[in-house]
Amino acid sequence: MAYKYTRPLARLIDELSKLPGIGPKTAQRLALYILNIPKEEAGILAHSILNAKEQVKRCQVCHNLTDQNICEICRDSNRDKSIICVVETARDLMAIEKTGGFKGLYHVLEGAISPLDGVEPDHLTIDHLLSRLKTGKIKEIILATNPNIEGEVTSSYIAKLVKPEGIKITRIAYGVPIGGDLEYADEVTLSQAMLGRQIFKNDN
């Protein structure tokens, strides 16, 4: 007969198991850890979760996560504002930032085109990206979507729209493995991918 958890513990384990990458056993370990820490620490953890949920929002310029209307990267006067690196998620942005090798700006699409999953171009922030190009200050767009089918479709779609603007379009080099996700790539691989980016060729 399977062990039956007391109801509050079972609910905590169930909620933790809903988190990405957290299975039942890990959820159980986390739940037991939370029960064993002082009540004050548990309160700080709970408050941190609620505080982040209430205060973190999307940057009005690049859609990065921030607690301000405009994120620190967009406000940084030392960044090269003539280059925009286009990524799928804020996690991808964070992965590239950790390399310390890119000093331009970003644009977070908040996903990738995937008709099978019901994600169409108008569900992403592509229109906002195109409006950023109208300033005439952008000289290069780096397409840093993930090297999988959805990422390639998204890059091709964006390249087709950007091409008439006469802006240089590059794609990060395949130091990032095909079918992989940027957030799991190591810093050296990402650095080499950024340095080895190439002109994006779109035959459409």
N, C-alpha and C. Protein backbone atom coordinates (compact mmCIF):
# COMPACT_ATOMS: atom_id res chain seq x y z
N MET A 1 0.85 -1.20 0.00
CA MET A 1 0.00 0.00 0.00
C MET A 1 0.89 1.25 0.00
N ALA A 2 0.59 2.20 -0.89
CA ALA A 2 1.39 3.42 -1.02
C ALA A 2 1.22 4.31 0.22
N TYR A 3 2.33 4.96 0.59
CA TYR A 3 2.28 5.85 1.75
C TYR A 3 1.38 7.04 1.44
N LYS A 4 0.54 7.39 2.40
CA LYS A 4 -0.39 8.50 2.21
C LYS A 4 0.07 9.69 3.05
N TYR A 5 0.40 10.79 2.35
CA TYR A 5 0.86 12.00 3.03
C TYR A 5 -0.30 12.69 3.72
N THR A 6 0.02 13.40 4.80
CA THR A 6 -0.98 14.25 5.43
C THR A 6 -1.40 15.31 4.42
N ARG A 7 -2.63 15.76 4.47
CA ARG A 7 -3.19 16.60 3.40
C ARG A 7 -2.38 17.86 3.09
N PRO A 8 -1.96 18.68 4.08
CA PRO A 8 -1.18 19.89 3.75
C PRO A 8 0.14 19.56 3.05
N LEU A 9 0.81 18.48 3.49
CA LEU A 9 2.07 18.08 2.86
C LEU A 9 1.82 17.57 1.44
N ALA A 10 0.77 16.81 1.27
CA ALA A 10 0.44 16.29 -0.06
C ALA A 10 0.16 17.43 -1.04
N ARG A 11 -0.52 18.46 -0.54
CA ARG A 11 -0.83 19.60 -1.41
C ARG A 11 0.45 20.36 -1.79
N LEU A 12 1.37 20.52 -0.81
CA LEU A 12 2.63 21.21 -1.08
C LEU A 12 3.44 20.44 -2.12
N ILE A 13 3.52 19.12 -1.96
CA ILE A 13 4.25 18.28 -2.92
C ILE A 13 3.62 18.38 -4.30
N ASP A 14 2.31 18.37 -4.33
CA ASP A 14 1.59 18.44 -5.61
C ASP A 14 1.87 19.77 -6.32
N GLU A 15 1.87 20.86 -5.57
CA GLU A 15 2.12 22.17 -6.17
C GLU A 15 3.57 22.29 -6.65
N LEU A 16 4.51 21.79 -5.88
CA LEU A 16 5.92 21.86 -6.28
C LEU A 16 6.19 20.99 -7.51
N SER A 17 5.49 19.88 -7.63
CA SER A 17 5.70 18.98 -8.77
C SER A 17 5.21 19.58 -10.08
N LYS A 18 4.45 20.67 -9.98
CA LYS A 18 3.98 21.35 -11.20
C LYS A 18 5.06 22.24 -11.81
N LEU A 19 6.12 22.49 -11.07
CA LEU A 19 7.21 23.33 -11.57
C LEU A 19 8.00 22.58 -12.64
N PRO A 20 8.53 23.30 -13.64
CA PRO A 20 9.29 22.65 -14.72
C PRO A 20 10.50 21.88 -14.19
N GLY A 21 10.65 20.65 -14.64
CA GLY A 21 11.80 19.85 -14.26
C GLY A 21 11.74 19.26 -12.86
N ILE A 22 10.62 19.43 -12.18
CA ILE A 22 10.47 18.90 -10.82
C ILE A 22 9.54 17.69 -10.84
N GLY A 23 10.11 16.51 -10.60
CA GLY A 23 9.31 15.29 -10.52
C GLY A 23 8.82 15.06 -9.12
N PRO A 24 8.03 14.00 -8.91
CA PRO A 24 7.46 13.71 -7.59
C PRO A 24 8.51 13.57 -6.48
N LYS A 25 9.63 12.89 -6.78
CA LYS A 25 10.65 12.68 -5.75
C LYS A 25 11.33 13.99 -5.36
N THR A 26 11.65 14.81 -6.37
CA THR A 26 12.27 16.11 -6.08
C THR A 26 11.29 17.01 -5.33
N ALA A 27 10.03 16.96 -5.73
CA ALA A 27 9.00 17.74 -5.05
C ALA A 27 8.89 17.34 -3.58
N GLN A 28 9.01 16.04 -3.34
CA GLN A 28 8.95 15.56 -1.96
C GLN A 28 10.13 16.07 -1.14
N ARG A 29 11.35 16.03 -1.75
CA ARG A 29 12.54 16.52 -1.05
C ARG A 29 12.42 18.00 -0.75
N LEU A 30 11.93 18.77 -1.72
CA LEU A 30 11.77 20.21 -1.51
C LEU A 30 10.73 20.50 -0.43
N ALA A 31 9.64 19.75 -0.46
CA ALA A 31 8.59 19.95 0.54
C ALA A 31 9.10 19.67 1.95
N LEU A 32 9.83 18.58 2.09
CA LEU A 32 10.37 18.22 3.40
C LEU A 32 11.42 19.23 3.86
N TYR A 33 12.19 19.76 2.89
CA TYR A 33 13.17 20.80 3.23
C TYR A 33 12.46 22.04 3.77
N ILE A 34 11.39 22.45 3.08
CA ILE A 34 10.63 23.63 3.49
C ILE A 34 10.04 23.43 4.89
N LEU A 35 9.58 22.23 5.17
CA LEU A 35 9.00 21.95 6.49
C LEU A 35 10.06 22.01 7.59
N ASN A 36 11.31 21.72 7.23
CA ASN A 36 12.38 21.66 8.23
C ASN A 36 13.07 22.99 8.49
N ILE A 37 12.87 23.97 7.60
CA ILE A 37 13.51 25.27 7.83
C ILE A 37 12.66 26.10 8.81
N PRO A 38 13.27 27.08 9.47
CA PRO A 38 12.50 27.93 10.40
C PRO A 38 11.32 28.61 9.70
N LYS A 39 10.29 28.88 10.47
CA LYS A 39 9.09 29.50 9.92
C LYS A 39 9.41 30.83 9.26
N GLU A 40 10.38 31.58 9.83
CA GLU A 40 10.75 32.88 9.27
C GLU A 40 11.32 32.73 7.85
N GLU A 41 12.17 31.70 7.67
CA GLU A 41 12.75 31.46 6.34
C GLU A 41 11.68 31.05 5.34
N ALA A 42 10.74 30.24 5.78
CA ALA A 42 9.64 29.83 4.91
C ALA A 42 8.81 31.05 4.51
N GLY A 43 8.64 31.97 5.48
CA GLY A 43 7.89 33.19 5.20
C GLY A 43 8.61 34.06 4.20
N ILE A 44 9.94 34.15 4.31
CA ILE A 44 10.73 34.94 3.36
C ILE A 44 10.60 34.35 1.95
N LEU A 45 10.65 33.01 1.87
CA LEU A 45 10.51 32.33 0.58
C LEU A 45 9.14 32.63 -0.03
N ALA A 46 8.11 32.48 0.77
CA ALA A 46 6.75 32.74 0.28
C ALA A 46 6.58 34.19 -0.16
N HIS A 47 7.15 35.11 0.64
CA HIS A 47 7.05 36.54 0.31
C HIS A 47 7.81 36.86 -0.97
N SER A 48 8.97 36.21 -1.15
CA SER A 48 9.77 36.44 -2.35
C SER A 48 9.02 36.02 -3.61
N ILE A 49 8.32 34.90 -3.52
CA ILE A 49 7.53 34.41 -4.66
C ILE A 49 6.42 35.40 -5.00
N LEU A 50 5.68 35.83 -3.99
CA LEU A 50 4.58 36.77 -4.21
C LEU A 50 5.09 38.12 -4.68
N ASN A 51 6.21 38.56 -4.10
CA ASN A 51 6.78 39.85 -4.45
C ASN A 51 7.23 39.87 -5.91
N ALA A 52 7.90 38.79 -6.34
CA ALA A 52 8.34 38.69 -7.72
C ALA A 52 7.14 38.65 -8.67
N LYS A 53 6.12 37.91 -8.28
CA LYS A 53 4.92 37.80 -9.12
C LYS A 53 4.23 39.15 -9.28
N GLU A 54 4.23 39.95 -8.23
CA GLU A 54 3.55 41.25 -8.26
C GLU A 54 4.37 42.34 -8.95
N GLN A 55 5.71 42.30 -8.80
CA GLN A 55 6.52 43.42 -9.26
C GLN A 55 7.24 43.20 -10.59
N VAL A 56 7.56 41.96 -10.93
CA VAL A 56 8.28 41.71 -12.18
C VAL A 56 7.32 41.80 -13.36
N LYS A 57 7.73 42.55 -14.37
CA LYS A 57 6.91 42.73 -15.56
C LYS A 57 7.81 42.77 -16.80
N ARG A 58 7.21 43.01 -17.95
CA ARG A 58 7.96 43.05 -19.19
C ARG A 58 8.44 44.47 -19.50
N CYS A 59 9.69 44.58 -19.93
CA CYS A 59 10.23 45.87 -20.36
C CYS A 59 9.41 46.40 -21.53
N GLN A 60 9.07 47.66 -21.49
CA GLN A 60 8.26 48.26 -22.54
C GLN A 60 8.99 48.37 -23.87
N VAL A 61 10.32 48.23 -23.83
CA VAL A 61 11.11 48.33 -25.06
C VAL A 61 11.44 46.96 -25.64
N CYS A 62 12.06 46.10 -24.82
CA CYS A 62 12.56 44.82 -25.35
C CYS A 62 11.83 43.59 -24.85
N HIS A 63 10.93 43.75 -23.89
CA HIS A 63 10.14 42.65 -23.31
C HIS A 63 10.96 41.73 -22.40
N ASN A 64 12.12 42.22 -21.95
CA ASN A 64 12.87 41.49 -20.94
C ASN A 64 12.14 41.61 -19.60
N LEU A 65 12.47 40.75 -18.64
CA LEU A 65 11.87 40.82 -17.32
C LEU A 65 12.53 41.94 -16.52
N THR A 66 11.73 42.74 -15.84
CA THR A 66 12.25 43.86 -15.08
C THR A 66 11.21 44.30 -14.05
N ASP A 67 11.65 45.10 -13.08
CA ASP A 67 10.70 45.69 -12.14
C ASP A 67 10.48 47.17 -12.44
N GLN A 68 11.07 47.62 -13.56
CA GLN A 68 10.90 48.99 -14.01
C GLN A 68 10.15 48.99 -15.35
N ASN A 69 9.74 50.16 -15.82
CA ASN A 69 9.09 50.21 -17.13
C ASN A 69 10.07 49.86 -18.25
N ILE A 70 11.33 50.27 -18.06
CA ILE A 70 12.39 49.96 -19.03
C ILE A 70 13.51 49.25 -18.28
N CYS A 71 13.98 48.12 -18.80
CA CYS A 71 14.97 47.31 -18.09
C CYS A 71 16.35 47.97 -18.07
N GLU A 72 17.23 47.42 -17.24
CA GLU A 72 18.57 47.97 -17.07
C GLU A 72 19.38 47.92 -18.36
N ILE A 73 19.20 46.87 -19.15
CA ILE A 73 19.96 46.74 -20.39
C ILE A 73 19.58 47.85 -21.36
N CYS A 74 18.30 48.09 -21.51
CA CYS A 74 17.85 49.15 -22.44
C CYS A 74 18.25 50.53 -21.94
N ARG A 75 18.39 50.70 -20.63
CA ARG A 75 18.76 52.00 -20.06
C ARG A 75 20.27 52.23 -20.06
N ASP A 76 21.04 51.17 -20.26
CA ASP A 76 22.50 51.25 -20.16
C ASP A 76 23.08 52.04 -21.34
N SER A 77 23.65 53.19 -21.06
CA SER A 77 24.21 54.05 -22.11
C SER A 77 25.47 53.47 -22.75
N ASN A 78 26.05 52.46 -22.11
CA ASN A 78 27.27 51.85 -22.65
C ASN A 78 26.99 50.73 -23.65
N ARG A 79 25.73 50.34 -23.81
CA ARG A 79 25.40 49.28 -24.75
C ARG A 79 25.41 49.83 -26.18
N ASP A 80 25.73 48.97 -27.14
CA ASP A 80 25.70 49.34 -28.56
C ASP A 80 24.25 49.30 -29.03
N LYS A 81 23.67 50.45 -29.21
CA LYS A 81 22.25 50.53 -29.54
C LYS A 81 21.96 50.37 -31.04
N SER A 82 23.00 50.00 -31.80
CA SER A 82 22.79 49.78 -33.24
C SER A 82 22.58 48.29 -33.55
N ILE A 83 22.71 47.43 -32.52
CA ILE A 83 22.56 45.99 -32.72
C ILE A 83 21.49 45.45 -31.78
N ILE A 84 20.57 44.66 -32.34
CA ILE A 84 19.55 44.00 -31.54
C ILE A 84 19.67 42.50 -31.71
N CYS A 85 19.79 41.80 -30.60
CA CYS A 85 19.83 40.34 -30.60
C CYS A 85 18.42 39.84 -30.28
N VAL A 86 17.84 39.09 -31.21
CA VAL A 86 16.46 38.61 -31.06
C VAL A 86 16.47 37.21 -30.46
N VAL A 87 15.83 37.05 -29.31
CA VAL A 87 15.77 35.75 -28.63
C VAL A 87 14.32 35.37 -28.38
N GLU A 88 14.11 34.09 -28.09
CA GLU A 88 12.75 33.61 -27.86
C GLU A 88 12.23 33.97 -26.47
N THR A 89 13.08 33.79 -25.46
CA THR A 89 12.63 33.99 -24.08
C THR A 89 13.64 34.79 -23.27
N ALA A 90 13.20 35.27 -22.13
CA ALA A 90 14.10 35.97 -21.21
C ALA A 90 15.19 35.03 -20.71
N ARG A 91 14.90 33.73 -20.63
CA ARG A 91 15.92 32.76 -20.22
C ARG A 91 17.07 32.75 -21.22
N ASP A 92 16.75 32.85 -22.51
CA ASP A 92 17.79 32.88 -23.54
C ASP A 92 18.63 34.15 -23.42
N LEU A 93 17.96 35.26 -23.15
CA LEU A 93 18.67 36.53 -22.94
C LEU A 93 19.66 36.39 -21.78
N MET A 94 19.20 35.81 -20.69
CA MET A 94 20.06 35.63 -19.52
C MET A 94 21.26 34.75 -19.85
N ALA A 95 21.03 33.71 -20.65
CA ALA A 95 22.11 32.79 -21.02
C ALA A 95 23.19 33.53 -21.81
N ILE A 96 22.78 34.38 -22.74
CA ILE A 96 23.74 35.14 -23.55
C ILE A 96 24.46 36.18 -22.69
N GLU A 97 23.73 36.84 -21.80
CA GLU A 97 24.33 37.84 -20.93
C GLU A 97 25.41 37.25 -20.04
N LYS A 98 25.24 36.01 -19.62
CA LYS A 98 26.21 35.36 -18.75
C LYS A 98 27.57 35.21 -19.43
N THR A 99 27.58 35.16 -20.78
CA THR A 99 28.85 35.01 -21.49
C THR A 99 29.68 36.29 -21.39
N GLY A 100 29.01 37.43 -21.21
CA GLY A 100 29.69 38.72 -21.11
C GLY A 100 30.26 39.20 -22.43
N GLY A 101 29.95 38.50 -23.53
CA GLY A 101 30.55 38.86 -24.81
C GLY A 101 29.70 39.73 -25.71
N PHE A 102 28.43 39.90 -25.38
CA PHE A 102 27.54 40.70 -26.23
C PHE A 102 27.18 41.99 -25.52
N LYS A 103 27.38 43.12 -26.21
CA LYS A 103 27.16 44.43 -25.60
C LYS A 103 26.09 45.26 -26.32
N GLY A 104 25.27 44.59 -27.12
CA GLY A 104 24.20 45.29 -27.80
C GLY A 104 22.91 45.23 -27.02
N LEU A 105 21.80 45.42 -27.71
CA LEU A 105 20.47 45.36 -27.11
C LEU A 105 19.80 44.03 -27.43
N TYR A 106 18.64 43.81 -26.85
CA TYR A 106 17.91 42.56 -27.08
C TYR A 106 16.46 42.85 -27.48
N HIS A 107 15.83 41.79 -28.02
CA HIS A 107 14.38 41.82 -28.18
C HIS A 107 13.88 40.41 -27.89
N VAL A 108 13.00 40.30 -26.91
CA VAL A 108 12.45 39.01 -26.49
C VAL A 108 11.11 38.77 -27.20
N LEU A 109 11.04 37.70 -27.96
CA LEU A 109 9.84 37.40 -28.74
C LEU A 109 8.72 36.82 -27.90
N GLU A 110 9.07 36.28 -26.74
CA GLU A 110 8.11 35.60 -25.86
C GLU A 110 7.58 34.33 -26.50
N GLY A 111 8.46 33.62 -27.21
CA GLY A 111 8.07 32.36 -27.81
C GLY A 111 8.62 32.20 -29.22
N ALA A 112 8.13 31.17 -29.90
CA ALA A 112 8.52 30.92 -31.29
C ALA A 112 7.31 30.46 -32.06
N ILE A 113 7.31 30.71 -33.35
CA ILE A 113 6.19 30.33 -34.20
C ILE A 113 6.05 28.81 -34.20
N SER A 114 4.88 28.31 -33.87
CA SER A 114 4.62 26.87 -33.83
C SER A 114 3.13 26.63 -34.04
N PRO A 115 2.71 26.55 -35.31
CA PRO A 115 1.29 26.36 -35.61
C PRO A 115 0.68 25.14 -34.92
N LEU A 116 1.46 24.07 -34.77
CA LEU A 116 0.95 22.86 -34.12
C LEU A 116 0.58 23.11 -32.66
N ASP A 117 1.27 24.08 -32.06
CA ASP A 117 0.97 24.44 -30.67
C ASP A 117 0.06 25.67 -30.58
N GLY A 118 -0.41 26.12 -31.74
CA GLY A 118 -1.30 27.27 -31.76
C GLY A 118 -0.62 28.60 -31.60
N VAL A 119 0.71 28.64 -31.82
CA VAL A 119 1.46 29.89 -31.68
C VAL A 119 1.72 30.48 -33.07
N GLU A 120 1.04 31.55 -33.38
CA GLU A 120 1.17 32.23 -34.66
C GLU A 120 2.02 33.50 -34.49
N PRO A 121 2.49 34.09 -35.58
CA PRO A 121 3.33 35.30 -35.49
C PRO A 121 2.72 36.42 -34.66
N ASP A 122 1.41 36.59 -34.74
CA ASP A 122 0.80 37.70 -34.01
C ASP A 122 0.71 37.43 -32.50
N HIS A 123 1.08 36.21 -32.08
CA HIS A 123 1.13 35.92 -30.65
C HIS A 123 2.47 36.35 -30.05
N LEU A 124 3.43 36.65 -30.91
CA LEU A 124 4.76 37.06 -30.46
C LEU A 124 4.91 38.58 -30.53
N THR A 125 6.07 39.08 -30.18
CA THR A 125 6.30 40.54 -30.15
C THR A 125 7.00 41.02 -31.42
N ILE A 126 6.74 40.34 -32.53
CA ILE A 126 7.40 40.67 -33.80
C ILE A 126 7.04 42.07 -34.28
N ASP A 127 5.78 42.45 -34.16
CA ASP A 127 5.36 43.79 -34.59
C ASP A 127 6.10 44.88 -33.81
N HIS A 128 6.29 44.64 -32.53
CA HIS A 128 7.01 45.60 -31.70
C HIS A 128 8.47 45.69 -32.14
N LEU A 129 9.06 44.54 -32.51
CA LEU A 129 10.43 44.53 -33.01
C LEU A 129 10.53 45.38 -34.27
N LEU A 130 9.60 45.20 -35.20
CA LEU A 130 9.63 45.97 -36.45
C LEU A 130 9.49 47.46 -36.19
N SER A 131 8.71 47.83 -35.18
CA SER A 131 8.54 49.25 -34.87
C SER A 131 9.84 49.84 -34.32
N ARG A 132 10.65 49.00 -33.65
CA ARG A 132 11.94 49.47 -33.13
C ARG A 132 12.91 49.77 -34.28
N LEU A 133 12.73 49.12 -35.41
CA LEU A 133 13.63 49.30 -36.54
C LEU A 133 13.36 50.59 -37.30
N LYS A 134 12.20 51.18 -37.06
CA LYS A 134 11.80 52.39 -37.80
C LYS A 134 12.59 53.62 -37.37
N THR A 135 13.34 53.51 -36.27
CA THR A 135 14.10 54.67 -35.79
C THR A 135 15.28 54.98 -36.71
N GLY A 136 15.71 53.98 -37.49
CA GLY A 136 16.85 54.17 -38.39
C GLY A 136 18.18 54.02 -37.71
N LYS A 137 18.18 53.73 -36.39
CA LYS A 137 19.42 53.61 -35.63
C LYS A 137 19.97 52.18 -35.62
N ILE A 138 19.14 51.21 -35.99
CA ILE A 138 19.54 49.80 -35.94
C ILE A 138 20.27 49.41 -37.22
N LYS A 139 21.49 48.89 -37.05
CA LYS A 139 22.31 48.50 -38.20
C LYS A 139 22.37 46.99 -38.40
N GLU A 140 22.11 46.24 -37.32
CA GLU A 140 22.20 44.77 -37.42
C GLU A 140 21.18 44.10 -36.51
N ILE A 141 20.58 43.04 -37.03
CA ILE A 141 19.70 42.18 -36.25
C ILE A 141 20.36 40.81 -36.16
N ILE A 142 20.57 40.33 -34.94
CA ILE A 142 21.13 38.99 -34.74
C ILE A 142 19.97 38.06 -34.37
N LEU A 143 19.73 37.07 -35.20
CA LEU A 143 18.66 36.12 -34.93
C LEU A 143 19.23 34.99 -34.07
N ALA A 144 18.85 34.99 -32.81
CA ALA A 144 19.38 34.01 -31.85
C ALA A 144 18.26 33.12 -31.32
N THR A 145 17.34 32.76 -32.22
CA THR A 145 16.30 31.81 -31.83
C THR A 145 16.94 30.44 -31.72
N ASN A 146 16.27 29.53 -31.04
CA ASN A 146 16.84 28.20 -30.82
C ASN A 146 16.99 27.43 -32.13
N PRO A 147 18.05 26.62 -32.26
CA PRO A 147 18.31 25.88 -33.50
C PRO A 147 17.46 24.63 -33.63
N ASN A 148 16.15 24.82 -33.63
CA ASN A 148 15.22 23.73 -33.89
C ASN A 148 14.23 24.20 -34.94
N ILE A 149 13.26 23.36 -35.29
CA ILE A 149 12.32 23.69 -36.37
C ILE A 149 11.59 24.99 -36.08
N GLU A 150 11.07 25.14 -34.86
CA GLU A 150 10.33 26.35 -34.51
C GLU A 150 11.22 27.59 -34.59
N GLY A 151 12.44 27.46 -34.09
CA GLY A 151 13.37 28.58 -34.12
C GLY A 151 13.75 28.99 -35.52
N GLU A 152 13.95 28.00 -36.40
CA GLU A 152 14.31 28.29 -37.79
C GLU A 152 13.15 28.95 -38.53
N VAL A 153 11.96 28.46 -38.28
CA VAL A 153 10.76 29.05 -38.92
C VAL A 153 10.61 30.50 -38.48
N THR A 154 10.80 30.74 -37.19
CA THR A 154 10.67 32.09 -36.64
C THR A 154 11.73 33.03 -37.22
N SER A 155 12.97 32.56 -37.31
CA SER A 155 14.05 33.37 -37.87
C SER A 155 13.79 33.71 -39.34
N SER A 156 13.34 32.72 -40.10
CA SER A 156 13.05 32.95 -41.52
C SER A 156 11.93 33.97 -41.70
N TYR A 157 10.92 33.86 -40.85
CA TYR A 157 9.78 34.77 -40.93
C TYR A 157 10.22 36.21 -40.63
N ILE A 158 11.01 36.37 -39.58
CA ILE A 158 11.49 37.70 -39.20
C ILE A 158 12.41 38.27 -40.27
N ALA A 159 13.31 37.43 -40.79
CA ALA A 159 14.25 37.89 -41.82
C ALA A 159 13.52 38.41 -43.05
N LYS A 160 12.45 37.73 -43.41
CA LYS A 160 11.67 38.14 -44.57
C LYS A 160 11.05 39.52 -44.36
N LEU A 161 10.64 39.80 -43.13
CA LEU A 161 10.03 41.09 -42.82
C LEU A 161 11.06 42.21 -42.69
N VAL A 162 12.23 41.85 -42.19
CA VAL A 162 13.28 42.85 -41.94
C VAL A 162 14.05 43.21 -43.21
N LYS A 163 14.16 42.28 -44.14
CA LYS A 163 14.96 42.47 -45.34
C LYS A 163 14.69 43.78 -46.07
N PRO A 164 13.43 44.19 -46.26
CA PRO A 164 13.15 45.45 -46.96
C PRO A 164 13.70 46.69 -46.25
N GLU A 165 14.01 46.56 -44.96
CA GLU A 165 14.53 47.70 -44.19
C GLU A 165 15.99 47.97 -44.50
N GLY A 166 16.65 47.03 -45.19
CA GLY A 166 18.06 47.21 -45.53
C GLY A 166 19.00 47.05 -44.35
N ILE A 167 18.54 46.37 -43.33
CA ILE A 167 19.34 46.14 -42.12
C ILE A 167 20.08 44.81 -42.24
N LYS A 168 21.32 44.78 -41.79
CA LYS A 168 22.12 43.56 -41.81
C LYS A 168 21.46 42.52 -40.91
N ILE A 169 21.30 41.31 -41.42
CA ILE A 169 20.66 40.23 -40.66
C ILE A 169 21.65 39.09 -40.51
N THR A 170 21.97 38.72 -39.27
CA THR A 170 22.88 37.60 -39.03
C THR A 170 22.18 36.56 -38.16
N ARG A 171 22.72 35.34 -38.23
CA ARG A 171 22.21 34.23 -37.44
C ARG A 171 23.36 33.71 -36.59
N ILE A 172 23.12 33.41 -35.32
CA ILE A 172 24.21 32.90 -34.49
C ILE A 172 24.72 31.60 -35.10
N ALA A 173 26.03 31.38 -35.00
CA ALA A 173 26.66 30.19 -35.58
C ALA A 173 26.20 28.94 -34.84
N TYR A 174 26.35 27.80 -35.50
CA TYR A 174 25.87 26.57 -34.91
C TYR A 174 26.87 25.92 -33.96
N GLY A 175 27.51 26.76 -33.13
CA GLY A 175 28.23 26.22 -31.99
C GLY A 175 27.18 25.70 -31.02
N VAL A 176 25.96 26.24 -31.14
CA VAL A 176 24.83 25.75 -30.37
C VAL A 176 24.30 24.52 -31.11
N PRO A 177 24.17 23.37 -30.46
CA PRO A 177 23.76 22.15 -31.14
C PRO A 177 22.36 22.23 -31.72
N ILE A 178 22.18 21.60 -32.91
CA ILE A 178 20.87 21.54 -33.53
C ILE A 178 19.91 20.80 -32.60
N GLY A 179 18.74 21.37 -32.41
CA GLY A 179 17.74 20.75 -31.54
C GLY A 179 17.90 21.11 -30.07
N GLY A 180 18.96 21.91 -29.76
CA GLY A 180 19.19 22.29 -28.37
C GLY A 180 18.54 23.61 -28.02
N ASP A 181 18.57 23.95 -26.74
CA ASP A 181 18.03 25.21 -26.26
C ASP A 181 19.16 26.07 -25.72
N LEU A 182 19.08 27.37 -25.96
CA LEU A 182 20.14 28.28 -25.54
C LEU A 182 20.38 28.25 -24.04
N GLU A 183 19.31 28.10 -23.26
CA GLU A 183 19.46 28.17 -21.81
C GLU A 183 20.31 27.03 -21.25
N TYR A 184 20.48 25.93 -22.03
CA TYR A 184 21.27 24.79 -21.56
C TYR A 184 22.68 24.78 -22.14
N ALA A 185 22.98 25.72 -23.04
CA ALA A 185 24.32 25.77 -23.64
C ALA A 185 25.30 26.40 -22.66
N ASP A 186 26.56 25.92 -22.68
CA ASP A 186 27.55 26.49 -21.79
C ASP A 186 28.02 27.85 -22.32
N GLU A 187 28.70 28.61 -21.47
CA GLU A 187 29.07 29.98 -21.81
C GLU A 187 30.07 30.05 -22.96
N VAL A 188 31.00 29.10 -23.02
CA VAL A 188 32.00 29.10 -24.10
C VAL A 188 31.32 28.86 -25.45
N THR A 189 30.40 27.88 -25.48
CA THR A 189 29.67 27.58 -26.71
C THR A 189 28.88 28.78 -27.19
N LEU A 190 28.21 29.44 -26.26
CA LEU A 190 27.41 30.62 -26.62
C LEU A 190 28.30 31.76 -27.10
N SER A 191 29.42 31.95 -26.46
CA SER A 191 30.35 33.01 -26.88
C SER A 191 30.82 32.78 -28.30
N GLN A 192 31.20 31.53 -28.61
CA GLN A 192 31.67 31.21 -29.95
C GLN A 192 30.55 31.36 -30.97
N ALA A 193 29.35 31.01 -30.58
CA ALA A 193 28.20 31.14 -31.49
C ALA A 193 27.95 32.60 -31.84
N MET A 194 28.10 33.48 -30.84
CA MET A 194 27.89 34.90 -31.09
C MET A 194 29.00 35.46 -31.97
N LEU A 195 30.24 35.07 -31.70
CA LEU A 195 31.37 35.57 -32.48
C LEU A 195 31.33 35.05 -33.92
N GLY A 196 30.82 33.83 -34.08
CA GLY A 196 30.81 33.22 -35.41
C GLY A 196 29.51 33.41 -36.17
N ARG A 197 28.71 34.38 -35.77
CA ARG A 197 27.43 34.60 -36.47
C ARG A 197 27.69 34.96 -37.93
N GLN A 198 26.74 34.60 -38.79
CA GLN A 198 26.87 34.78 -40.22
C GLN A 198 25.68 35.54 -40.79
N ILE A 199 25.85 36.07 -42.00
CA ILE A 199 24.73 36.72 -42.67
C ILE A 199 23.62 35.72 -42.85
N PHE A 200 22.41 36.09 -42.47
CA PHE A 200 21.26 35.19 -42.58
C PHE A 200 20.78 35.15 -44.02
N LYS A 201 20.77 33.98 -44.61
CA LYS A 201 20.32 33.81 -45.99
C LYS A 201 18.93 33.23 -46.01
N ASN A 202 18.03 34.00 -46.53
CA ASN A 202 16.64 33.57 -46.62
C ASN A 202 16.24 33.52 -48.09
N ASP A 203 15.97 32.33 -48.60
CA ASP A 203 15.67 32.17 -50.03
C ASP A 203 14.22 32.45 -50.37
N ASN A 204 13.41 32.72 -49.35
CA ASN A 204 11.98 32.98 -49.63
C ASN A 204 11.78 34.36 -50.25
